[in-house]
Amino acid sequence: MIVKRIDITPTKEFTPETGGAGKVSFITDTGDVIFDCQIKPGHEAEKRNPVVALISEAMRQVQRMPEYRISKSYMKFAPGVLPAEFAL
């Protein structure tokens, strides 16, 4: 499955004191995979980009999916889809 686009819909506005929440959609040719994600509040939260934090949480959830654990190649990202902070 190749993710061709990522859509983020905030459901709770982000602040370092309260954190934030949103829905992250990984858009593929075969459909969408949607994750409910939360950004935890705290000292580190003020240094984080909320978009990157939400995508990171969605990727963490992907790694817990049985499909991913069976085949590590279950989900890949098309070039340029992920923000620059994810560059290897």
N, C-alpha and C. Protein backbone atom coordinates (compact mmCIF):
# COMPACT_ATOMS: atom_id res chain seq x y z
N MET A 1 0.85 -1.16 0.00
CA MET A 1 0.00 0.00 0.00
C MET A 1 0.91 1.24 0.00
N ILE A 2 0.68 2.10 -0.96
CA ILE A 2 1.49 3.32 -1.06
C ILE A 2 0.62 4.53 -0.74
N VAL A 3 1.02 5.28 0.27
CA VAL A 3 0.31 6.49 0.67
C VAL A 3 0.70 7.61 -0.29
N LYS A 4 -0.31 8.17 -0.95
CA LYS A 4 -0.04 9.21 -1.94
C LYS A 4 -0.33 10.61 -1.42
N ARG A 5 -1.08 10.70 -0.31
CA ARG A 5 -1.41 12.00 0.27
C ARG A 5 -1.76 11.80 1.74
N ILE A 6 -1.49 12.81 2.54
CA ILE A 6 -1.85 12.79 3.96
C ILE A 6 -2.74 14.00 4.22
N ASP A 7 -3.93 13.75 4.77
CA ASP A 7 -4.83 14.83 5.16
C ASP A 7 -4.93 14.83 6.68
N ILE A 8 -4.93 16.04 7.27
CA ILE A 8 -5.05 16.18 8.71
C ILE A 8 -6.22 17.11 9.01
N THR A 9 -7.12 16.64 9.86
CA THR A 9 -8.26 17.43 10.29
C THR A 9 -8.18 17.61 11.80
N PRO A 10 -7.82 18.81 12.26
CA PRO A 10 -7.74 19.02 13.72
C PRO A 10 -9.12 18.88 14.35
N THR A 11 -9.18 18.21 15.50
CA THR A 11 -10.44 18.11 16.24
C THR A 11 -10.35 18.85 17.57
N LYS A 12 -9.13 19.14 18.00
CA LYS A 12 -8.90 19.92 19.22
C LYS A 12 -7.67 20.77 18.95
N GLU A 13 -7.81 22.07 19.03
CA GLU A 13 -6.69 22.96 18.72
C GLU A 13 -5.50 22.71 19.64
N PHE A 14 -4.33 22.75 19.07
CA PHE A 14 -3.11 22.45 19.81
C PHE A 14 -2.62 23.64 20.62
N THR A 15 -2.29 23.39 21.89
CA THR A 15 -1.53 24.31 22.72
C THR A 15 -0.58 23.46 23.54
N PRO A 16 0.59 23.97 23.90
CA PRO A 16 1.53 23.18 24.71
C PRO A 16 0.94 22.74 26.05
N GLU A 17 0.01 23.56 26.59
CA GLU A 17 -0.56 23.24 27.89
C GLU A 17 -1.60 22.13 27.83
N THR A 18 -2.35 22.05 26.73
CA THR A 18 -3.44 21.08 26.65
C THR A 18 -3.19 19.97 25.63
N GLY A 19 -2.16 20.12 24.80
CA GLY A 19 -1.94 19.16 23.73
C GLY A 19 -2.87 19.45 22.57
N GLY A 20 -3.26 18.43 21.86
CA GLY A 20 -4.14 18.62 20.72
C GLY A 20 -4.61 17.27 20.21
N ALA A 21 -5.51 17.30 19.24
CA ALA A 21 -6.02 16.06 18.67
C ALA A 21 -6.43 16.31 17.23
N GLY A 22 -6.51 15.23 16.47
CA GLY A 22 -6.94 15.36 15.09
C GLY A 22 -7.08 14.01 14.43
N LYS A 23 -7.66 14.03 13.26
CA LYS A 23 -7.78 12.83 12.44
C LYS A 23 -6.73 12.92 11.35
N VAL A 24 -5.97 11.85 11.18
CA VAL A 24 -4.94 11.78 10.15
C VAL A 24 -5.38 10.73 9.15
N SER A 25 -5.50 11.12 7.88
CA SER A 25 -5.91 10.20 6.82
C SER A 25 -4.73 9.94 5.90
N PHE A 26 -4.39 8.69 5.73
CA PHE A 26 -3.40 8.28 4.74
C PHE A 26 -4.20 7.86 3.50
N ILE A 27 -4.07 8.61 2.42
CA ILE A 27 -4.84 8.40 1.21
C ILE A 27 -4.04 7.51 0.25
N THR A 28 -4.65 6.40 -0.19
CA THR A 28 -4.01 5.48 -1.13
C THR A 28 -4.92 5.29 -2.34
N ASP A 29 -4.45 4.56 -3.33
CA ASP A 29 -5.28 4.25 -4.50
C ASP A 29 -6.45 3.35 -4.15
N THR A 30 -6.31 2.56 -3.11
CA THR A 30 -7.35 1.59 -2.75
C THR A 30 -8.28 2.09 -1.64
N GLY A 31 -8.03 3.26 -1.10
CA GLY A 31 -8.89 3.80 -0.04
C GLY A 31 -8.11 4.63 0.96
N ASP A 32 -8.79 4.98 2.02
CA ASP A 32 -8.20 5.81 3.07
C ASP A 32 -8.02 4.98 4.34
N VAL A 33 -6.95 5.27 5.06
CA VAL A 33 -6.74 4.71 6.39
C VAL A 33 -6.76 5.91 7.33
N ILE A 34 -7.73 5.93 8.25
CA ILE A 34 -7.94 7.10 9.11
C ILE A 34 -7.61 6.75 10.56
N PHE A 35 -6.85 7.64 11.19
CA PHE A 35 -6.43 7.44 12.57
C PHE A 35 -6.89 8.61 13.42
N ASP A 36 -7.40 8.32 14.62
CA ASP A 36 -7.66 9.35 15.62
C ASP A 36 -6.37 9.51 16.42
N CYS A 37 -5.82 10.70 16.43
CA CYS A 37 -4.51 10.92 17.06
C CYS A 37 -4.59 12.04 18.09
N GLN A 38 -3.75 11.93 19.12
CA GLN A 38 -3.65 12.96 20.14
C GLN A 38 -2.19 13.33 20.34
N ILE A 39 -1.97 14.62 20.62
CA ILE A 39 -0.65 15.13 20.99
C ILE A 39 -0.71 15.38 22.48
N LYS A 40 0.19 14.77 23.20
CA LYS A 40 0.21 14.94 24.65
C LYS A 40 0.74 16.33 25.01
N PRO A 41 0.18 16.92 26.07
CA PRO A 41 0.70 18.21 26.53
C PRO A 41 2.01 18.02 27.28
N GLY A 42 2.69 19.11 27.56
CA GLY A 42 3.89 19.03 28.36
C GLY A 42 5.02 19.86 27.80
N HIS A 43 6.14 19.80 28.49
CA HIS A 43 7.30 20.61 28.16
C HIS A 43 7.78 20.38 26.72
N GLU A 44 7.83 19.14 26.28
CA GLU A 44 8.30 18.83 24.93
C GLU A 44 7.32 19.27 23.86
N ALA A 45 6.04 19.38 24.21
CA ALA A 45 5.01 19.72 23.22
C ALA A 45 5.25 21.08 22.60
N GLU A 46 5.79 22.03 23.35
CA GLU A 46 5.97 23.37 22.79
C GLU A 46 7.05 23.41 21.72
N LYS A 47 7.92 22.41 21.69
CA LYS A 47 8.98 22.36 20.68
C LYS A 47 8.52 21.64 19.41
N ARG A 48 7.38 20.96 19.47
CA ARG A 48 6.95 20.11 18.37
C ARG A 48 6.04 20.84 17.39
N ASN A 49 6.19 20.47 16.14
CA ASN A 49 5.27 20.91 15.10
C ASN A 49 4.03 20.02 15.22
N PRO A 50 2.84 20.57 15.43
CA PRO A 50 1.65 19.73 15.62
C PRO A 50 1.37 18.79 14.45
N VAL A 51 1.63 19.23 13.23
CA VAL A 51 1.40 18.38 12.06
C VAL A 51 2.32 17.17 12.12
N VAL A 52 3.59 17.39 12.40
CA VAL A 52 4.55 16.29 12.50
C VAL A 52 4.19 15.36 13.65
N ALA A 53 3.75 15.94 14.77
CA ALA A 53 3.37 15.12 15.92
C ALA A 53 2.17 14.23 15.60
N LEU A 54 1.18 14.76 14.90
CA LEU A 54 0.01 13.96 14.54
C LEU A 54 0.38 12.85 13.56
N ILE A 55 1.21 13.16 12.57
CA ILE A 55 1.63 12.13 11.62
C ILE A 55 2.46 11.06 12.33
N SER A 56 3.32 11.47 13.25
CA SER A 56 4.13 10.51 14.02
C SER A 56 3.23 9.56 14.81
N GLU A 57 2.18 10.09 15.40
CA GLU A 57 1.25 9.25 16.16
C GLU A 57 0.53 8.27 15.24
N ALA A 58 0.13 8.74 14.07
CA ALA A 58 -0.53 7.84 13.10
C ALA A 58 0.43 6.73 12.67
N MET A 59 1.69 7.08 12.44
CA MET A 59 2.68 6.07 12.04
C MET A 59 2.93 5.07 13.17
N ARG A 60 2.88 5.54 14.41
CA ARG A 60 3.02 4.63 15.55
C ARG A 60 1.86 3.64 15.57
N GLN A 61 0.66 4.14 15.27
CA GLN A 61 -0.50 3.25 15.24
C GLN A 61 -0.40 2.24 14.10
N VAL A 62 0.14 2.65 12.96
CA VAL A 62 0.33 1.72 11.84
C VAL A 62 1.21 0.56 12.27
N GLN A 63 2.27 0.85 13.00
CA GLN A 63 3.21 -0.19 13.41
C GLN A 63 2.57 -1.20 14.35
N ARG A 64 1.45 -0.88 14.95
CA ARG A 64 0.74 -1.81 15.84
C ARG A 64 -0.29 -2.65 15.09
N MET A 65 -0.54 -2.33 13.83
CA MET A 65 -1.53 -3.08 13.05
C MET A 65 -0.98 -4.46 12.70
N PRO A 66 -1.81 -5.50 12.81
CA PRO A 66 -1.33 -6.85 12.46
C PRO A 66 -0.81 -6.94 11.04
N GLU A 67 -1.44 -6.23 10.10
CA GLU A 67 -1.00 -6.27 8.71
C GLU A 67 0.43 -5.78 8.57
N TYR A 68 0.78 -4.77 9.35
CA TYR A 68 2.14 -4.21 9.30
C TYR A 68 3.12 -5.18 9.95
N ARG A 69 2.75 -5.75 11.08
CA ARG A 69 3.66 -6.65 11.78
C ARG A 69 3.96 -7.90 10.97
N ILE A 70 2.99 -8.36 10.18
CA ILE A 70 3.20 -9.55 9.34
C ILE A 70 4.12 -9.21 8.17
N SER A 71 3.91 -8.05 7.57
CA SER A 71 4.71 -7.64 6.41
C SER A 71 5.15 -6.20 6.60
N LYS A 72 6.42 -5.99 6.88
CA LYS A 72 6.92 -4.64 7.15
C LYS A 72 6.73 -3.70 5.96
N SER A 73 6.46 -4.23 4.78
CA SER A 73 6.26 -3.39 3.60
C SER A 73 4.79 -3.04 3.39
N TYR A 74 3.96 -3.29 4.41
CA TYR A 74 2.52 -3.06 4.29
C TYR A 74 2.19 -1.63 3.86
N MET A 75 2.87 -0.65 4.42
CA MET A 75 2.56 0.75 4.10
C MET A 75 3.84 1.51 3.79
N LYS A 76 3.86 2.12 2.63
CA LYS A 76 5.00 2.96 2.23
C LYS A 76 4.45 4.31 1.80
N PHE A 77 5.33 5.30 1.75
CA PHE A 77 4.93 6.65 1.41
C PHE A 77 5.57 7.06 0.09
N ALA A 78 4.77 7.63 -0.78
CA ALA A 78 5.28 8.13 -2.06
C ALA A 78 6.27 9.27 -1.78
N PRO A 79 7.23 9.49 -2.68
CA PRO A 79 8.19 10.57 -2.48
C PRO A 79 7.49 11.91 -2.32
N GLY A 80 7.95 12.68 -1.33
CA GLY A 80 7.43 14.02 -1.10
C GLY A 80 6.16 14.08 -0.27
N VAL A 81 5.61 12.95 0.15
CA VAL A 81 4.37 12.95 0.92
C VAL A 81 4.63 13.34 2.37
N LEU A 82 5.68 12.81 2.96
CA LEU A 82 5.99 13.12 4.35
C LEU A 82 6.69 14.47 4.47
N PRO A 83 6.45 15.20 5.56
CA PRO A 83 7.18 16.46 5.77
C PRO A 83 8.69 16.22 5.86
N ALA A 84 9.46 17.26 5.65
CA ALA A 84 10.93 17.17 5.64
C ALA A 84 11.50 16.60 6.93
N GLU A 85 10.80 16.78 8.06
CA GLU A 85 11.29 16.27 9.34
C GLU A 85 11.41 14.75 9.37
N PHE A 86 10.75 14.06 8.45
CA PHE A 86 10.81 12.61 8.40
C PHE A 86 11.89 12.09 7.46
N ALA A 87 12.64 12.97 6.81
CA ALA A 87 13.68 12.54 5.86
C ALA A 87 14.72 11.69 6.58
N LEU A 88 15.12 10.63 5.91
CA LEU A 88 16.11 9.72 6.49
C LEU A 88 17.51 10.15 6.17
